[in-house]
Amino acid sequence: MDRISLRGITATGYHGVFPEERRDGQPFVVDLVLFTDLAPAAQSDDLTKTAHYGEVAELVVQVITGEPLNLIEALAGRIAGAVLTSFSVLAAVEVTVHKPKAPIAVEFGDVAVTIYRERP
């Protein structure tokens, strides 16, 4: 399976279990790997034969800035579902959600979850 990668899609969301996270918001960064057969697009040079990664990125921002969730695991799942539902050319998606400003009491570089979902 061929892949399209999008890295570093960033938006402010209001996800988290603590009231201040939902009140103040914080940056969330999303990386995606889109799994599809790119041969039809490569042979035809036709955008409709692939996933328009600009539209995928806009959809991810809509989900990040949308309805708050407690867990980044749930956010990753919501993003995966939205992407697979909106882009029928995709067979699967891998979503990594980074929460670089997570309320952790020790110094850290990053916290992230990664999920992989296939089209049902």
Protein backbone atom coordinates (compact mmCIF):
# COMPACT_ATOMS: atom_id res chain seq x y z
CA MET A 1 0.00 0.00 0.00
CA ASP A 2 1.28 3.45 -0.91
CA ARG A 3 1.40 6.28 1.62
CA ILE A 4 0.85 10.01 1.83
CA SER A 5 2.30 11.64 4.96
CA LEU A 6 1.23 14.93 6.51
CA ARG A 7 3.25 16.11 9.50
CA GLY A 8 2.74 18.90 11.99
CA ILE A 9 -0.87 19.95 11.40
CA THR A 10 -1.35 22.33 14.34
CA ALA A 11 -4.39 23.99 15.87
CA THR A 12 -5.66 25.07 19.27
CA GLY A 13 -8.10 22.67 20.85
CA TYR A 14 -9.90 22.47 24.18
CA HIS A 15 -9.34 18.81 24.97
CA GLY A 16 -8.34 17.45 28.36
CA VAL A 17 -9.67 16.22 31.66
CA PHE A 18 -8.81 19.37 33.62
CA PRO A 19 -11.08 22.44 33.62
CA GLU A 20 -8.24 24.80 32.69
CA GLU A 21 -7.49 22.73 29.56
CA ARG A 22 -11.07 23.10 28.39
CA ARG A 23 -11.18 26.78 29.36
CA ASP A 24 -7.81 27.97 28.07
CA GLY A 25 -7.09 25.56 25.22
CA GLN A 26 -3.67 24.45 24.04
CA PRO A 27 -1.89 23.43 20.84
CA PHE A 28 -2.40 19.97 19.40
CA VAL A 29 -0.16 18.67 16.63
CA VAL A 30 -1.28 15.88 14.32
CA ASP A 31 0.73 13.66 11.99
CA LEU A 32 -1.07 11.47 9.46
CA VAL A 33 -0.13 8.61 7.20
CA LEU A 34 -2.79 7.96 4.56
CA PHE A 35 -2.74 4.50 2.99
CA THR A 36 -4.02 4.16 -0.57
CA ASP A 37 -3.11 2.89 -4.02
CA LEU A 38 -1.41 5.84 -5.70
CA ALA A 39 -1.02 4.12 -9.09
CA PRO A 40 -4.24 5.58 -10.57
CA ALA A 41 -3.19 9.13 -9.60
CA ALA A 42 0.39 8.58 -10.77
CA GLN A 43 -0.75 7.24 -14.14
CA SER A 44 -3.47 9.81 -14.78
CA ASP A 45 -2.04 12.89 -13.02
CA ASP A 46 -5.61 13.41 -11.77
CA LEU A 47 -6.22 14.86 -8.30
CA THR A 48 -9.57 13.07 -8.03
CA LYS A 49 -7.71 9.72 -8.00
CA THR A 50 -6.01 10.47 -4.67
CA ALA A 51 -6.67 12.14 -1.32
CA HIS A 52 -6.36 15.92 -1.58
CA TYR A 53 -3.98 16.48 1.33
CA GLY A 54 -4.94 20.15 1.64
CA GLU A 55 -8.54 19.12 2.27
CA VAL A 56 -7.39 16.40 4.67
CA ALA A 57 -5.41 18.97 6.66
CA GLU A 58 -8.40 21.33 6.82
CA LEU A 59 -10.59 18.48 8.09
CA VAL A 60 -8.06 17.64 10.81
CA VAL A 61 -8.06 21.27 11.99
CA GLN A 62 -11.87 21.22 12.11
CA VAL A 63 -11.76 18.15 14.36
CA ILE A 64 -9.04 19.59 16.62
CA THR A 65 -10.96 22.85 17.07
CA GLY A 66 -14.31 21.11 17.37
CA GLU A 67 -16.14 19.47 20.26
CA PRO A 68 -13.85 18.96 23.28
CA LEU A 69 -12.85 15.48 24.39
CA ASN A 70 -11.17 14.26 27.55
CA LEU A 71 -8.49 12.09 25.95
CA ILE A 72 -6.11 12.49 23.02
CA GLU A 73 -6.85 8.83 22.32
CA ALA A 74 -10.45 9.86 21.61
CA LEU A 75 -9.26 12.81 19.51
CA ALA A 76 -7.09 10.50 17.42
CA GLY A 77 -10.04 8.16 16.93
CA ARG A 78 -12.32 11.01 15.89
CA ILE A 79 -9.75 12.26 13.38
CA ALA A 80 -9.28 8.78 11.92
CA GLY A 81 -13.02 8.29 11.56
CA ALA A 82 -13.52 11.68 9.90
CA VAL A 83 -10.69 11.13 7.44
CA LEU A 84 -11.81 7.63 6.44
CA THR A 85 -15.42 8.76 6.10
CA SER A 86 -14.55 11.81 4.00
CA PHE A 87 -11.98 10.28 1.63
CA SER A 88 -13.22 7.03 0.13
CA VAL A 89 -9.99 6.47 -1.81
CA LEU A 90 -8.19 5.69 1.49
CA ALA A 91 -7.84 2.13 2.73
CA ALA A 92 -6.42 3.08 6.13
CA VAL A 93 -5.02 5.93 8.18
CA GLU A 94 -2.44 6.25 10.94
CA VAL A 95 -3.00 9.22 13.24
CA THR A 96 -0.56 10.56 15.81
CA VAL A 97 -1.81 13.28 18.15
CA HIS A 98 0.84 15.24 20.04
CA LYS A 99 -0.03 17.27 23.13
CA PRO A 100 3.17 19.28 23.66
CA LYS A 101 1.79 21.39 26.52
CA ALA A 102 0.17 18.54 28.45
CA PRO A 103 -0.20 19.29 32.17
CA ILE A 104 2.62 17.01 33.33
CA ALA A 105 4.51 17.94 36.50
CA VAL A 106 7.96 17.02 35.14
CA GLU A 107 9.91 18.35 32.18
CA PHE A 108 9.15 16.40 29.00
CA GLY A 109 9.69 16.74 25.28
CA ASP A 110 6.40 15.39 23.92
CA VAL A 111 3.45 13.19 24.70
CA ALA A 112 1.63 11.50 21.84
CA VAL A 113 -0.68 8.65 20.95
CA THR A 114 -0.72 6.83 17.63
CA ILE A 115 -3.60 4.79 16.25
CA TYR A 116 -4.08 2.88 13.01
CA ARG A 117 -7.56 2.39 11.53
CA GLU A 118 -8.65 0.59 8.39
CA ARG A 119 -11.78 1.15 6.39
CA PRO A 120 -14.46 -1.24 7.67
